[in-house]
Amino acid sequence: MSSNPYEPAASFAGRLRSKGIPEGSVAATFRVTQAGIQATPEHGAVQELGLERLRLRRDEGGALIATDPGSKTSVVCDDPEFLRALETVAGNELNEAISRLEGLKVSSRGQHLFGCFLALVFTGLLLWSLPSMFHKAIRTTVAALPTSVDKAIGENVQEAMETGGPVLDDEAIRAPLQTLLDRLTPHAPLEGIEYQFRVVRSDVSNAYALPGGYITIFSGLIEQSATPEQVAGVLAHEIAHVERRHGLHRVAQQAGMMASMALLVGDLSGLEAIAVKVFTMQQGAAYSQEQETEADLEGVRILIDAGINPEGLVQFFELMRAEVGDVPAAMSWVSSHPRFDERIAAIRADLATRALPEQWQPLDLDWEQLKQDLSDQ
């Protein structure tokens, strides 16, 4: 028994998530104290999450996720007594967060997001009865939402998703990629988005972007690209998904089918769970063919405005076609992605209509050095 009746003595099992953990998360035990959450991983140093800035939410399975935004560290626990333990030591702000999780009240920020997503639910319900009107309603509703919605979803999904490999924080690796983003993002017109990225060790030759500008770049993309222009093409494509808010379109569709009742009773944590599920299921088929083509052409526009040769995006698709092949023409309708041949042809047709500069502005990067730095990690 604890000498302090307001300080729980029990420990709880769960997982600890942190950028410093190679695999992204590790099994750990937690103890709630007057100062915060003391997390003891199976391997590694004990970590402290302070109560004064703790953020609470639930994942799709109902487990509690407590995050310290300052250290970017989270604990995940599905023991219901863990929330009770936090409640015994919580101050005003944390008590409000606990009340929201229990459905007792919703903060002004929560009410704002709830109102926004209630509109998304309404448009999602149209999918069942009026499919011809559904997509138009989705576009209209998403266009009216503030970008704070994109950022809230993107942040929550990135915290919840497993990285699939260790995050590489070496500045020698990050700096060249930051240079690429700095060239591209000034030509992305959606206001209120601050792009940030992480590099994950993986053989996957790709990248993805979440709503709000959270970009993940897999090391395989860099290692398999011959020039920085090829990676710039992929990043421009992902930025275009963010700019056109394709992620919110997907969440809106799924919200209408999966969580209308949860939202109607104010369960905002359920909204986050939907977003996590949307962005983790069927990762190879994330967007529709129409959205992929739209992102290709918007990415080309961003590249041209940035003075970067868009031929790099074409070359990337040619590399992918050589590596993984293409969907047979007779079966292209079953794939969410257009065939590489179709994408290359669409880009070349678009370029033929544009006034292109005689000379492109070079990317002042030592690409081979970046690859060497990656191999040294």
Protein backbone atom coordinates (compact mmCIF):
# COMPACT_ATOMS: atom_id res chain seq x y z
CA MET A 1 0.00 0.00 0.00
CA SER A 2 1.31 3.46 -0.90
CA SER A 3 1.98 5.84 1.98
CA ASN A 4 0.15 8.48 -0.07
CA PRO A 5 -3.53 7.45 -0.45
CA TYR A 6 -3.79 9.54 -3.63
CA GLU A 7 -0.86 7.89 -5.33
CA PRO A 8 -1.73 4.48 -6.84
CA ALA A 9 0.76 1.73 -6.09
CA ALA A 10 -0.38 -0.68 -8.81
CA SER A 11 1.60 -1.19 -11.97
CA PHE A 12 0.05 -1.72 -15.40
CA ALA A 13 1.25 -3.58 -18.47
CA GLY A 14 1.26 -2.11 -21.96
CA ARG A 15 3.56 -0.69 -24.60
CA LEU A 16 5.89 2.31 -24.64
CA ARG A 17 6.21 4.27 -27.90
CA SER A 18 9.08 6.66 -28.56
CA LYS A 19 11.27 7.88 -31.41
CA GLY A 20 14.26 6.53 -29.51
CA ILE A 21 12.99 2.95 -29.66
CA PRO A 22 14.36 1.17 -32.77
CA GLU A 23 11.12 -0.67 -33.58
CA GLY A 24 8.90 2.21 -32.56
CA SER A 25 7.43 0.53 -29.45
CA VAL A 26 8.35 -1.94 -26.71
CA ALA A 27 6.53 -3.82 -23.94
CA ALA A 28 6.64 -1.91 -20.66
CA THR A 29 5.08 -1.54 -17.23
CA PHE A 30 3.61 1.75 -16.03
CA ARG A 31 3.10 3.32 -12.63
CA VAL A 32 1.09 6.48 -12.02
CA THR A 33 2.62 8.98 -9.60
CA GLN A 34 1.83 12.52 -8.49
CA ALA A 35 4.33 13.74 -11.08
CA GLY A 36 3.07 11.70 -14.01
CA ILE A 37 3.50 8.27 -15.59
CA GLN A 38 6.66 6.30 -14.89
CA ALA A 39 7.28 3.88 -17.78
CA THR A 40 9.72 0.99 -17.35
CA PRO A 41 10.46 -0.79 -20.65
CA GLU A 42 11.71 -4.37 -20.89
CA HIS A 43 14.97 -2.98 -22.20
CA GLY A 44 16.18 0.59 -21.83
CA ALA A 45 15.90 3.49 -19.46
CA VAL A 46 12.88 4.44 -17.39
CA GLN A 47 10.94 7.33 -18.93
CA GLU A 48 8.71 9.92 -17.26
CA LEU A 49 5.61 11.49 -18.83
CA GLY A 50 4.58 14.66 -17.02
CA LEU A 51 0.92 15.11 -16.05
CA GLU A 52 0.81 18.82 -16.83
CA ARG A 53 0.93 18.32 -20.60
CA LEU A 54 -0.41 14.79 -20.96
CA ARG A 55 -2.81 14.11 -23.85
CA LEU A 56 -5.27 11.22 -23.73
CA ARG A 57 -7.14 9.31 -26.43
CA ARG A 58 -8.19 5.77 -27.28
CA ASP A 59 -7.09 3.56 -30.16
CA GLU A 60 -9.43 1.51 -32.34
CA GLY A 61 -9.41 -1.33 -29.82
CA GLY A 62 -10.32 0.92 -26.90
CA ALA A 63 -6.86 0.97 -25.29
CA LEU A 64 -5.87 4.24 -23.62
CA ILE A 65 -3.02 6.18 -25.25
CA ALA A 66 -1.33 8.82 -23.09
CA THR A 67 1.13 11.07 -24.91
CA ASP A 68 3.66 13.63 -23.73
CA PRO A 69 3.86 16.03 -26.73
CA GLY A 70 7.15 17.48 -25.54
CA SER A 71 9.08 14.21 -25.61
CA LYS A 72 6.92 12.59 -28.33
CA THR A 73 6.58 9.61 -25.99
CA SER A 74 3.36 7.61 -25.58
CA VAL A 75 2.17 4.77 -23.39
CA VAL A 76 -0.58 2.37 -24.48
CA CYS A 77 -2.58 0.39 -21.91
CA ASP A 78 -5.89 -1.48 -22.16
CA ASP A 79 -6.33 -1.99 -18.41
CA PRO A 80 -9.42 0.06 -17.37
CA GLU A 81 -7.86 0.66 -13.95
CA PHE A 82 -5.06 2.62 -15.62
CA LEU A 83 -7.50 5.44 -16.37
CA ARG A 84 -8.82 5.28 -12.81
CA ALA A 85 -5.27 5.60 -11.52
CA LEU A 86 -4.73 8.72 -13.63
CA GLU A 87 -7.99 10.13 -12.36
CA THR A 88 -6.76 10.01 -8.75
CA VAL A 89 -3.83 12.32 -9.46
CA ALA A 90 -5.21 14.42 -12.33
CA GLY A 91 -5.40 18.20 -12.28
CA ASN A 92 -8.08 20.29 -13.96
CA GLU A 93 -6.89 19.93 -17.57
CA LEU A 94 -6.30 16.18 -17.32
CA ASN A 95 -9.65 15.71 -15.59
CA GLU A 96 -11.29 17.40 -18.56
CA ALA A 97 -9.52 15.00 -20.90
CA ILE A 98 -10.65 12.04 -18.79
CA SER A 99 -14.21 13.37 -18.80
CA ARG A 100 -14.14 13.55 -22.59
CA LEU A 101 -12.99 9.93 -22.78
CA GLU A 102 -15.84 8.92 -20.47
CA GLY A 103 -18.36 10.88 -22.52
CA LEU A 104 -19.18 13.36 -19.74
CA LYS A 105 -18.38 16.51 -21.70
CA VAL A 106 -16.56 17.75 -24.77
CA SER A 107 -14.18 20.70 -24.80
CA SER A 108 -14.61 23.65 -27.15
CA ARG A 109 -11.93 22.22 -29.44
CA GLY A 110 -13.71 18.87 -29.35
CA GLN A 111 -17.01 20.54 -30.13
CA HIS A 112 -15.39 22.22 -33.11
CA LEU A 113 -14.01 18.95 -34.47
CA PHE A 114 -17.25 17.17 -33.65
CA GLY A 115 -19.21 19.71 -35.69
CA CYS A 116 -16.85 19.34 -38.61
CA PHE A 117 -17.00 15.59 -38.61
CA LEU A 118 -20.73 15.46 -38.06
CA ALA A 119 -20.92 17.08 -41.48
CA LEU A 120 -18.57 14.40 -42.80
CA VAL A 121 -20.79 11.69 -41.34
CA PHE A 122 -23.80 13.18 -43.05
CA THR A 123 -22.07 13.17 -46.40
CA GLY A 124 -20.82 9.64 -45.74
CA LEU A 125 -24.36 8.38 -45.19
CA LEU A 126 -25.21 9.53 -48.69
CA LEU A 127 -23.00 6.73 -49.98
CA TRP A 128 -25.71 4.20 -49.27
CA SER A 129 -28.64 6.03 -50.81
CA LEU A 130 -27.36 8.56 -53.32
CA PRO A 131 -23.99 7.43 -54.69
CA SER A 132 -24.13 9.87 -57.61
CA MET A 133 -24.39 12.78 -55.16
CA PHE A 134 -21.99 11.39 -52.59
CA HIS A 135 -18.67 12.39 -54.15
CA LYS A 136 -19.85 15.92 -54.87
CA ALA A 137 -21.08 16.29 -51.30
CA ILE A 138 -17.76 14.98 -49.95
CA ARG A 139 -15.77 17.47 -52.03
CA THR A 140 -17.96 20.37 -50.90
CA THR A 141 -17.82 19.41 -47.23
CA VAL A 142 -14.08 18.75 -47.12
CA ALA A 143 -13.35 22.03 -48.89
CA ALA A 144 -15.23 23.87 -46.12
CA LEU A 145 -13.29 22.27 -43.25
CA PRO A 146 -10.44 24.20 -41.60
CA THR A 147 -6.97 22.73 -42.00
CA SER A 148 -6.85 22.25 -38.23
CA VAL A 149 -8.91 19.12 -38.92
CA ASP A 150 -6.23 17.80 -41.29
CA LYS A 151 -3.52 18.47 -38.72
CA ALA A 152 -5.43 16.84 -35.86
CA ILE A 153 -6.07 13.67 -37.87
CA GLY A 154 -2.53 13.51 -39.26
CA GLU A 155 -0.93 13.94 -35.84
CA ASN A 156 -3.12 11.31 -34.19
CA VAL A 157 -2.67 8.78 -36.98
CA GLN A 158 1.11 9.23 -37.09
CA GLU A 159 1.34 8.67 -33.33
CA ALA A 160 -0.76 5.50 -33.57
CA MET A 161 0.77 3.89 -36.65
CA GLU A 162 3.70 1.53 -36.40
CA THR A 163 6.61 2.83 -38.47
CA GLY A 164 7.58 -0.55 -39.90
CA GLY A 165 11.22 0.08 -39.05
CA PRO A 166 13.52 2.34 -37.04
CA VAL A 167 13.30 6.09 -37.57
CA LEU A 168 16.57 7.61 -38.83
CA ASP A 169 17.26 10.97 -37.18
CA ASP A 170 20.82 11.51 -38.45
CA GLU A 171 21.10 15.10 -39.68
CA ALA A 172 23.30 13.98 -42.58
CA ILE A 173 20.29 12.07 -43.88
CA ARG A 174 17.60 14.59 -42.98
CA ALA A 175 19.30 17.73 -44.30
CA PRO A 176 19.25 16.80 -48.05
CA LEU A 177 15.62 15.71 -47.82
CA GLN A 178 14.72 18.93 -46.01
CA THR A 179 16.32 20.77 -48.94
CA LEU A 180 13.98 18.95 -51.31
CA LEU A 181 10.91 19.80 -49.24
CA ASP A 182 11.99 23.42 -48.90
CA ARG A 183 12.04 23.66 -52.70
CA LEU A 184 8.60 22.08 -53.09
CA THR A 185 6.39 23.25 -50.24
CA PRO A 186 6.35 26.99 -51.07
CA HIS A 187 4.44 25.99 -54.22
CA ALA A 188 1.77 24.06 -52.29
CA PRO A 189 -1.12 26.51 -51.90
CA LEU A 190 -3.12 25.00 -49.01
CA GLU A 191 -2.81 27.46 -46.15
CA GLY A 192 -2.13 26.42 -42.57
CA ILE A 193 -0.10 23.30 -43.38
CA GLU A 194 3.42 22.94 -41.97
CA TYR A 195 5.14 20.02 -43.64
CA GLN A 196 7.33 17.73 -41.58
CA PHE A 197 8.86 14.37 -42.35
CA ARG A 198 10.52 11.31 -40.91
CA VAL A 199 12.82 8.78 -42.56
CA VAL A 200 12.17 5.11 -41.80
CA ARG A 201 14.59 2.28 -42.46
CA SER A 202 12.77 -0.02 -44.89
CA ASP A 203 13.37 -1.64 -48.27
CA VAL A 204 10.08 -0.19 -49.51
CA SER A 205 10.70 2.19 -52.41
CA ASN A 206 8.00 4.68 -51.57
CA ALA A 207 6.75 7.47 -49.31
CA TYR A 208 3.36 8.45 -47.94
CA ALA A 209 1.78 11.60 -46.56
CA LEU A 210 -0.94 11.93 -43.93
CA PRO A 211 -3.41 14.83 -43.71
CA GLY A 212 -1.82 17.92 -42.25
CA GLY A 213 1.55 17.42 -43.99
CA TYR A 214 3.06 14.50 -42.02
CA ILE A 215 5.32 12.71 -44.52
CA THR A 216 7.10 9.37 -44.08
CA ILE A 217 9.97 8.56 -46.46
CA PHE A 218 11.22 4.98 -46.62
CA SER A 219 14.96 4.57 -47.06
CA GLY A 220 14.38 2.20 -50.00
CA LEU A 221 13.08 5.12 -52.05
CA ILE A 222 16.40 6.96 -51.67
CA GLU A 223 18.53 3.88 -52.20
CA GLN A 224 16.74 2.88 -55.40
CA SER A 225 16.48 6.35 -56.94
CA ALA A 226 19.29 7.38 -59.27
CA THR A 227 18.76 11.15 -58.87
CA PRO A 228 17.27 13.53 -56.31
CA GLU A 229 14.76 14.62 -58.99
CA GLN A 230 13.17 11.17 -58.82
CA VAL A 231 12.63 11.46 -55.06
CA ALA A 232 11.45 15.06 -55.51
CA GLY A 233 8.83 13.73 -57.94
CA VAL A 234 7.53 11.26 -55.37
CA LEU A 235 7.46 13.93 -52.64
CA ALA A 236 5.60 16.33 -54.94
CA HIS A 237 3.03 13.60 -55.59
CA GLU A 238 2.55 13.06 -51.83
CA ILE A 239 2.32 16.80 -51.18
CA ALA A 240 -0.39 16.92 -53.84
CA HIS A 241 -2.43 14.35 -51.88
CA VAL A 242 -2.22 16.65 -48.85
CA GLU A 243 -3.08 19.74 -50.89
CA ARG A 244 -6.11 18.08 -52.50
CA ARG A 245 -7.09 16.68 -49.07
CA HIS A 246 -7.53 13.19 -50.43
CA GLY A 247 -6.97 11.73 -46.97
CA LEU A 248 -9.96 13.59 -45.55
CA HIS A 249 -12.07 12.31 -48.43
CA ARG A 250 -11.23 8.75 -47.40
CA VAL A 251 -11.92 9.39 -43.73
CA ALA A 252 -15.24 11.02 -44.64
CA GLN A 253 -16.31 7.98 -46.64
CA GLN A 254 -15.36 5.56 -43.87
CA ALA A 255 -16.89 7.71 -41.14
CA GLY A 256 -20.23 7.52 -42.87
CA MET A 257 -20.13 3.75 -42.90
CA MET A 258 -18.27 2.86 -39.71
CA ALA A 259 -18.79 5.49 -37.06
CA SER A 260 -21.89 7.55 -37.57
CA MET A 261 -23.46 6.44 -34.27
CA ALA A 262 -20.22 6.96 -32.33
CA LEU A 263 -19.92 10.49 -33.61
CA LEU A 264 -23.55 11.32 -32.98
CA VAL A 265 -23.01 10.62 -29.28
CA GLY A 266 -19.78 12.63 -29.24
CA ASP A 267 -17.21 9.82 -29.25
CA LEU A 268 -14.32 11.71 -30.84
CA SER A 269 -11.87 8.98 -29.89
CA GLY A 270 -13.77 6.74 -32.28
CA LEU A 271 -13.05 9.25 -35.03
CA GLU A 272 -9.33 8.86 -34.44
CA ALA A 273 -9.71 5.09 -34.56
CA ILE A 274 -11.42 5.34 -37.95
CA ALA A 275 -8.61 7.49 -39.29
CA VAL A 276 -6.02 4.98 -38.05
CA LYS A 277 -7.89 2.10 -39.68
CA VAL A 278 -8.32 4.01 -42.95
CA PHE A 279 -4.61 4.73 -43.23
CA THR A 280 -3.41 1.28 -42.18
CA MET A 281 -5.71 -1.04 -44.09
CA GLN A 282 -5.00 -1.78 -47.75
CA GLN A 283 -1.91 0.41 -47.79
CA GLY A 284 -1.11 -0.55 -51.36
CA ALA A 285 -4.53 0.67 -52.45
CA ALA A 286 -4.79 3.92 -50.54
CA TYR A 287 -6.43 6.20 -53.07
CA SER A 288 -8.69 5.83 -56.07
CA GLN A 289 -7.31 5.88 -59.61
CA GLU A 290 -8.85 9.33 -60.05
CA GLN A 291 -7.08 10.65 -56.93
CA GLU A 292 -3.75 9.10 -57.92
CA THR A 293 -3.94 10.69 -61.37
CA GLU A 294 -4.93 14.02 -59.83
CA ALA A 295 -1.95 13.82 -57.45
CA ASP A 296 0.38 12.97 -60.35
CA LEU A 297 -0.64 16.04 -62.34
CA GLU A 298 -0.74 18.37 -59.33
CA GLY A 299 2.69 17.04 -58.38
CA VAL A 300 3.93 17.91 -61.86
CA ARG A 301 2.61 21.44 -61.41
CA ILE A 302 4.42 21.76 -58.06
CA LEU A 303 7.67 20.47 -59.58
CA ILE A 304 7.50 22.91 -62.50
CA ASP A 305 6.78 25.87 -60.22
CA ALA A 306 9.75 24.81 -58.07
CA GLY A 307 12.02 24.69 -61.12
CA ILE A 308 12.59 20.92 -60.76
CA ASN A 309 12.49 18.71 -63.83
CA PRO A 310 9.24 16.66 -63.65
CA GLU A 311 10.89 14.00 -65.77
CA GLY A 312 12.12 12.63 -62.44
CA LEU A 313 8.58 11.48 -61.59
CA VAL A 314 8.32 9.74 -64.96
CA GLN A 315 11.66 8.04 -64.35
CA PHE A 316 10.48 6.83 -60.95
CA PHE A 317 7.40 5.21 -62.52
CA GLU A 318 9.63 3.61 -65.15
CA LEU A 319 11.81 2.17 -62.38
CA MET A 320 8.76 0.79 -60.60
CA ARG A 321 7.41 -0.70 -63.80
CA ALA A 322 10.73 -2.45 -64.39
CA GLU A 323 10.90 -3.67 -60.79
CA VAL A 324 7.34 -4.82 -60.06
CA GLY A 325 5.71 -4.93 -63.49
CA ASP A 326 2.34 -3.47 -64.34
CA VAL A 327 -1.29 -4.43 -63.82
CA PRO A 328 -2.59 -6.10 -66.99
CA ALA A 329 -4.75 -3.70 -68.98
CA ALA A 330 -7.76 -6.03 -68.76
CA MET A 331 -7.52 -5.99 -64.93
CA SER A 332 -6.59 -2.35 -64.28
CA TRP A 333 -10.09 -1.65 -63.00
CA VAL A 334 -9.44 -3.80 -59.89
CA SER A 335 -6.44 -1.71 -58.81
CA SER A 336 -6.73 1.63 -57.02
CA HIS A 337 -3.59 2.81 -58.82
CA PRO A 338 -3.61 3.49 -62.56
CA ARG A 339 -1.20 1.39 -64.59
CA PHE A 340 2.33 2.85 -64.81
CA ASP A 341 1.98 3.14 -68.58
CA GLU A 342 -1.18 5.20 -68.13
CA ARG A 343 0.41 7.43 -65.51
CA ILE A 344 3.48 8.08 -67.64
CA ALA A 345 1.31 8.84 -70.68
CA ALA A 346 -0.91 11.21 -68.65
CA ILE A 347 2.12 13.12 -67.35
CA ARG A 348 3.66 13.43 -70.80
CA ALA A 349 0.34 14.62 -72.24
CA ASP A 350 0.09 17.22 -69.48
CA LEU A 351 3.66 18.41 -70.05
CA ALA A 352 2.92 18.84 -73.75
CA THR A 353 0.35 21.52 -72.87
CA ARG A 354 2.69 23.56 -70.63
CA ALA A 355 5.29 26.19 -71.39
CA LEU A 356 8.40 24.61 -69.89
CA PRO A 357 11.67 26.40 -69.12
CA GLU A 358 14.66 25.73 -71.33
CA GLN A 359 16.74 24.89 -68.29
CA TRP A 360 15.77 23.48 -64.92
CA GLN A 361 17.20 24.71 -61.64
CA PRO A 362 19.57 22.01 -60.34
CA LEU A 363 19.22 20.40 -56.93
CA ASP A 364 22.49 21.10 -55.16
CA LEU A 365 22.72 17.75 -53.36
CA ASP A 366 25.41 15.10 -53.12
CA TRP A 367 23.09 12.17 -53.84
CA GLU A 368 25.76 9.49 -53.67
CA GLN A 369 26.91 10.81 -50.30
CA LEU A 370 23.35 10.60 -48.99
CA LYS A 371 23.16 6.97 -50.11
CA GLN A 372 26.47 6.28 -48.41
CA ASP A 373 25.26 7.88 -45.19
CA LEU A 374 22.18 5.65 -45.35
CA SER A 375 24.25 2.51 -45.80
CA ASP A 376 26.35 3.51 -42.78
CA GLN A 377 23.28 3.60 -40.50
